[in-house]
Amino acid sequence: MMNRKKCVIYLTAAVMLFCAGCGSQKEKQTDAGDKKEASQPAETGNQDESKTKPEKDADTLSKANDIAAIYRFELDGHTYQLPFPVSELEENGWTLREGDAGQTMEGMSYIITSMTDANGSSVRLNVVNLTDQEQQLKDCEIGGIMIYAKGASNVRFQTADGISLSSTPADIKKTYGTDEPVFSESTSQDDTTTIWYKFYKGQTDDLRMPSVDSIQSDEDTLSFIVDKNQKLTGIELQYFGSTQ
């Protein structure tokens, strides 16, 4: 009888030791799991936002208003936005060349003329009549302006993005980029380089003065003329405004 009691006691003790060992092993596994989870970096809200945040549109000049802003410039302290009336330049001291002052223009036509300031500096202009009616030249609009170092060395001129005749080709490309088909560049036989930007897509690549059709198709051209010494000698802006 005594032996049976001893066996029961020994068996009970063995079971208790086994259970205690299992509990200890489970605690070790749980601790290890906790440590493993703690070692992994927690996901933050910023990481989630970076995954779901849309990328910035690469074409920042897709809207007509964006393009129009490029054709804003400063001339001798006055700001102009192409196209604008010839009379605005007259009010600020510029005079049409002799023979053009009293001229009239037929509807949907253009001429190339120039204006001179009190210091003798001159700028070339592309003047357009965008109406169907005949108008005095002074009442028509300037759709293009050309500034050349040879005739406008004393003129203070810069584009809306700060490019002037003292800028470099690198400045121009950094400002407006080199993405095709907006950007193009060519060099002539005398090593003069022309850098062109045409921000409206789908227009022709030629640089002819506008016909009625091109006026209606929102043609725009921003060009820079660079001599063989990499000096900027001319800036040309041509923009007729959106007809959309």
Protein backbone atom coordinates (compact mmCIF):
# COMPACT_ATOMS: atom_id res chain seq x y z
CA MET A 1 0.00 0.00 0.00
CA MET A 2 2.83 2.29 0.90
CA ASN A 3 4.55 1.56 -2.35
CA ARG A 4 1.44 2.47 -4.35
CA LYS A 5 1.23 5.85 -2.57
CA LYS A 6 4.88 6.53 -3.35
CA CYS A 7 4.31 5.73 -7.02
CA VAL A 8 1.38 8.12 -7.18
CA ILE A 9 3.43 10.86 -5.52
CA TYR A 10 6.37 10.32 -7.90
CA LEU A 11 4.06 10.31 -10.95
CA THR A 12 2.31 13.51 -9.84
CA ALA A 13 5.66 15.24 -9.31
CA ALA A 14 6.86 14.19 -12.73
CA VAL A 15 3.73 15.57 -14.40
CA MET A 16 4.13 18.89 -12.55
CA LEU A 17 7.77 19.18 -13.61
CA PHE A 18 6.83 18.44 -17.24
CA CYS A 19 4.08 21.07 -17.25
CA ALA A 20 6.39 23.61 -15.66
CA GLY A 21 8.95 22.95 -18.39
CA CYS A 22 6.35 23.44 -21.12
CA GLY A 23 5.22 26.72 -19.59
CA SER A 24 8.79 27.96 -19.41
CA GLN A 25 9.39 26.98 -23.05
CA LYS A 26 6.21 28.83 -24.15
CA GLU A 27 7.30 31.94 -22.24
CA LYS A 28 10.69 31.84 -23.97
CA GLN A 29 9.03 31.52 -27.38
CA THR A 30 6.67 34.40 -26.56
CA ASP A 31 9.54 36.58 -25.39
CA ALA A 32 11.49 35.82 -28.55
CA GLY A 33 8.46 36.69 -30.66
CA ASP A 34 8.00 39.98 -28.81
CA LYS A 35 11.66 40.84 -29.35
CA LYS A 36 11.38 40.01 -33.05
CA GLU A 37 8.33 42.23 -33.46
CA ALA A 38 9.97 45.03 -31.50
CA SER A 39 13.04 44.90 -33.76
CA GLN A 40 10.93 45.63 -36.87
CA PRO A 41 10.46 49.40 -37.55
CA ALA A 42 6.91 50.59 -37.15
CA GLU A 43 5.18 51.83 -40.30
CA THR A 44 4.50 55.53 -40.10
CA GLY A 45 1.78 57.63 -41.66
CA ASN A 46 4.40 59.48 -43.73
CA GLN A 47 5.47 56.25 -45.40
CA ASP A 48 1.88 55.47 -46.35
CA GLU A 49 1.39 59.00 -47.70
CA SER A 50 4.51 58.75 -49.83
CA LYS A 51 3.18 55.58 -51.41
CA THR A 52 -0.25 56.99 -52.18
CA LYS A 53 0.70 60.60 -52.99
CA PRO A 54 0.51 61.17 -56.77
CA GLU A 55 3.63 62.32 -58.57
CA LYS A 56 3.81 65.92 -59.77
CA ASP A 57 2.72 66.37 -63.36
CA ALA A 58 5.87 66.79 -65.45
CA ASP A 59 4.12 69.04 -67.97
CA THR A 60 3.60 72.22 -65.96
CA LEU A 61 2.85 74.24 -69.09
CA SER A 62 -0.19 72.35 -70.29
CA LYS A 63 -2.67 75.15 -69.65
CA ALA A 64 -3.10 78.24 -71.79
CA ASN A 65 -2.71 80.49 -68.74
CA ASP A 66 0.65 78.89 -67.94
CA ILE A 67 1.88 79.52 -71.46
CA ALA A 68 0.59 83.10 -71.50
CA ALA A 69 2.65 83.88 -68.39
CA ILE A 70 5.84 83.03 -70.29
CA TYR A 71 5.07 85.84 -72.74
CA ARG A 72 5.03 88.50 -70.07
CA PHE A 73 8.14 90.69 -70.04
CA GLU A 74 9.60 93.85 -68.56
CA LEU A 75 10.85 96.70 -70.74
CA ASP A 76 12.44 99.75 -69.10
CA GLY A 77 10.54 99.24 -65.86
CA HIS A 78 7.14 98.56 -67.44
CA THR A 79 5.51 95.13 -67.55
CA TYR A 80 3.71 93.95 -70.69
CA GLN A 81 1.76 90.83 -71.57
CA LEU A 82 1.63 89.66 -75.19
CA PRO A 83 -0.51 90.47 -77.04
CA PHE A 84 -1.08 94.12 -76.06
CA PRO A 85 -2.02 97.35 -77.90
CA VAL A 86 0.65 99.39 -79.68
CA SER A 87 -0.67 102.40 -77.77
CA GLU A 88 0.76 101.00 -74.51
CA LEU A 89 4.31 101.41 -75.80
CA GLU A 90 3.46 104.86 -77.15
CA GLU A 91 2.22 105.92 -73.72
CA ASN A 92 5.58 104.87 -72.25
CA GLY A 93 7.69 106.95 -74.64
CA TRP A 94 8.13 104.71 -77.68
CA THR A 95 7.53 106.05 -81.21
CA LEU A 96 6.57 104.12 -84.34
CA ARG A 97 9.03 104.38 -87.20
CA GLU A 98 8.38 107.08 -89.76
CA GLY A 99 5.72 106.11 -92.26
CA ASP A 100 3.93 103.63 -89.98
CA ALA A 101 2.43 106.05 -87.45
CA GLY A 102 -0.72 106.82 -89.44
CA GLN A 103 -0.98 103.51 -91.24
CA THR A 104 -4.13 101.39 -91.17
CA MET A 105 -4.27 97.59 -91.18
CA GLU A 106 -6.79 95.31 -92.80
CA GLY A 107 -8.61 92.73 -90.71
CA MET A 108 -6.68 89.56 -89.81
CA SER A 109 -3.35 90.89 -91.10
CA TYR A 110 0.10 91.66 -89.69
CA ILE A 111 3.16 93.80 -90.37
CA ILE A 112 6.72 93.96 -89.07
CA THR A 113 7.64 97.39 -87.77
CA SER A 114 9.83 98.98 -85.11
CA MET A 115 9.60 101.55 -82.34
CA THR A 116 12.28 103.84 -80.94
CA ASP A 117 12.66 105.43 -77.51
CA ALA A 118 14.07 108.85 -76.57
CA ASN A 119 17.60 107.39 -76.32
CA GLY A 120 17.56 106.03 -79.85
CA SER A 121 17.20 102.39 -78.83
CA SER A 122 14.84 100.35 -80.99
CA VAL A 123 12.79 97.18 -80.77
CA ARG A 124 11.23 95.23 -83.65
CA LEU A 125 7.55 94.38 -83.44
CA ASN A 126 5.11 92.01 -85.06
CA VAL A 127 1.83 93.96 -85.09
CA VAL A 128 -1.39 92.08 -85.81
CA ASN A 129 -4.99 93.08 -86.42
CA LEU A 130 -6.98 90.21 -84.95
CA THR A 131 -10.35 91.69 -85.89
CA ASP A 132 -12.31 91.52 -89.13
CA GLN A 133 -12.31 95.32 -89.46
CA GLU A 134 -9.71 97.79 -90.70
CA GLN A 135 -7.95 99.56 -87.82
CA GLN A 136 -5.31 102.20 -87.18
CA LEU A 137 -1.95 100.56 -86.54
CA LYS A 138 -1.72 102.18 -83.11
CA ASP A 139 -4.99 100.47 -82.16
CA CYS A 140 -3.78 97.03 -83.24
CA GLU A 141 -1.95 94.58 -81.02
CA ILE A 142 1.68 93.62 -80.66
CA GLY A 143 1.90 89.85 -81.03
CA GLY A 144 5.68 89.66 -81.14
CA ILE A 145 8.68 91.63 -79.91
CA MET A 146 12.34 91.22 -80.87
CA ILE A 147 15.14 92.65 -78.74
CA TYR A 148 18.63 92.68 -80.29
CA ALA A 149 21.83 93.74 -78.55
CA LYS A 150 22.90 95.77 -81.59
CA GLY A 151 19.94 98.16 -81.47
CA ALA A 152 18.81 97.87 -77.87
CA SER A 153 22.02 97.84 -75.84
CA ASN A 154 20.69 100.56 -73.53
CA VAL A 155 17.29 98.92 -73.06
CA ARG A 156 16.45 97.16 -69.81
CA PHE A 157 14.63 94.03 -70.88
CA GLN A 158 13.95 90.68 -69.26
CA THR A 159 11.46 87.86 -69.66
CA ALA A 160 9.00 86.92 -66.93
CA ASP A 161 11.51 84.26 -65.82
CA GLY A 162 14.41 86.70 -65.55
CA ILE A 163 16.27 85.99 -68.80
CA SER A 164 17.98 89.07 -70.30
CA LEU A 165 20.68 89.78 -72.88
CA SER A 166 23.27 89.25 -70.14
CA SER A 167 22.08 85.67 -69.54
CA THR A 168 23.96 82.62 -70.81
CA PRO A 169 22.74 79.63 -72.85
CA ALA A 170 23.05 77.56 -69.67
CA ASP A 171 20.74 80.01 -67.87
CA ILE A 172 18.17 79.66 -70.65
CA LYS A 173 18.18 75.86 -70.64
CA LYS A 174 18.06 75.70 -66.87
CA THR A 175 15.05 78.03 -66.87
CA TYR A 176 13.01 76.55 -69.73
CA GLY A 177 14.40 73.04 -69.99
CA THR A 178 15.44 70.92 -72.96
CA ASP A 179 12.44 68.64 -73.34
CA GLU A 180 11.26 67.91 -76.87
CA PRO A 181 9.12 68.82 -78.72
CA VAL A 182 9.00 72.12 -76.84
CA PHE A 183 12.77 72.65 -77.12
CA SER A 184 14.90 72.70 -80.25
CA GLU A 185 18.32 74.09 -81.14
CA SER A 186 20.19 74.70 -84.39
CA THR A 187 23.51 76.23 -85.46
CA SER A 188 24.05 78.10 -88.72
CA GLN A 189 27.18 78.24 -90.89
CA ASP A 190 28.43 81.37 -89.09
CA ASP A 191 28.28 79.46 -85.77
CA THR A 192 25.24 81.41 -84.59
CA THR A 193 22.99 79.20 -82.49
CA THR A 194 19.26 79.66 -82.08
CA ILE A 195 17.47 78.11 -79.11
CA TRP A 196 13.73 77.72 -79.70
CA TYR A 197 10.80 76.98 -77.44
CA LYS A 198 7.29 76.39 -78.76
CA PHE A 199 5.00 75.65 -75.85
CA TYR A 200 1.86 74.83 -77.78
CA LYS A 201 2.00 71.24 -78.99
CA GLY A 202 1.06 70.24 -82.50
CA GLN A 203 2.09 73.41 -84.31
CA THR A 204 4.41 73.54 -87.30
CA ASP A 205 8.17 73.63 -86.82
CA ASP A 206 8.85 76.46 -89.27
CA LEU A 207 9.50 79.96 -87.96
CA ARG A 208 7.71 81.96 -90.63
CA MET A 209 5.84 85.07 -89.63
CA PRO A 210 2.23 84.16 -88.87
CA SER A 211 -0.45 83.86 -91.49
CA VAL A 212 -4.12 84.10 -90.60
CA ASP A 213 -4.21 80.35 -90.00
CA SER A 214 -1.28 80.36 -87.58
CA ILE A 215 -2.74 83.33 -85.70
CA GLN A 216 -5.87 81.30 -85.13
CA SER A 217 -3.95 78.19 -84.08
CA ASP A 218 -2.35 79.81 -81.02
CA GLU A 219 1.18 79.74 -82.40
CA ASP A 220 3.86 80.80 -79.94
CA THR A 221 7.64 81.01 -80.17
CA LEU A 222 10.26 82.00 -77.61
CA SER A 223 13.72 82.10 -79.17
CA PHE A 224 17.22 83.14 -78.17
CA ILE A 225 20.07 83.95 -80.55
CA VAL A 226 23.59 83.10 -79.37
CA ASP A 227 26.79 84.09 -81.20
CA LYS A 228 29.91 81.93 -81.64
CA ASN A 229 31.32 83.32 -78.38
CA GLN A 230 28.26 82.07 -76.51
CA LYS A 231 26.97 85.61 -76.00
CA LEU A 232 23.24 86.21 -76.17
CA THR A 233 22.56 88.72 -78.95
CA GLY A 234 18.80 88.51 -79.36
CA ILE A 235 15.55 87.55 -77.66
CA GLU A 236 12.34 87.04 -79.62
CA LEU A 237 8.86 86.46 -78.22
CA GLN A 238 5.82 85.72 -80.36
CA TYR A 239 2.40 84.96 -78.87
CA PHE A 240 -1.11 85.80 -80.05
CA GLY A 241 -3.12 84.61 -77.09
CA SER A 242 -5.46 81.68 -76.72
CA THR A 243 -8.51 81.51 -78.95
CA GLN A 244 -10.00 78.66 -76.94
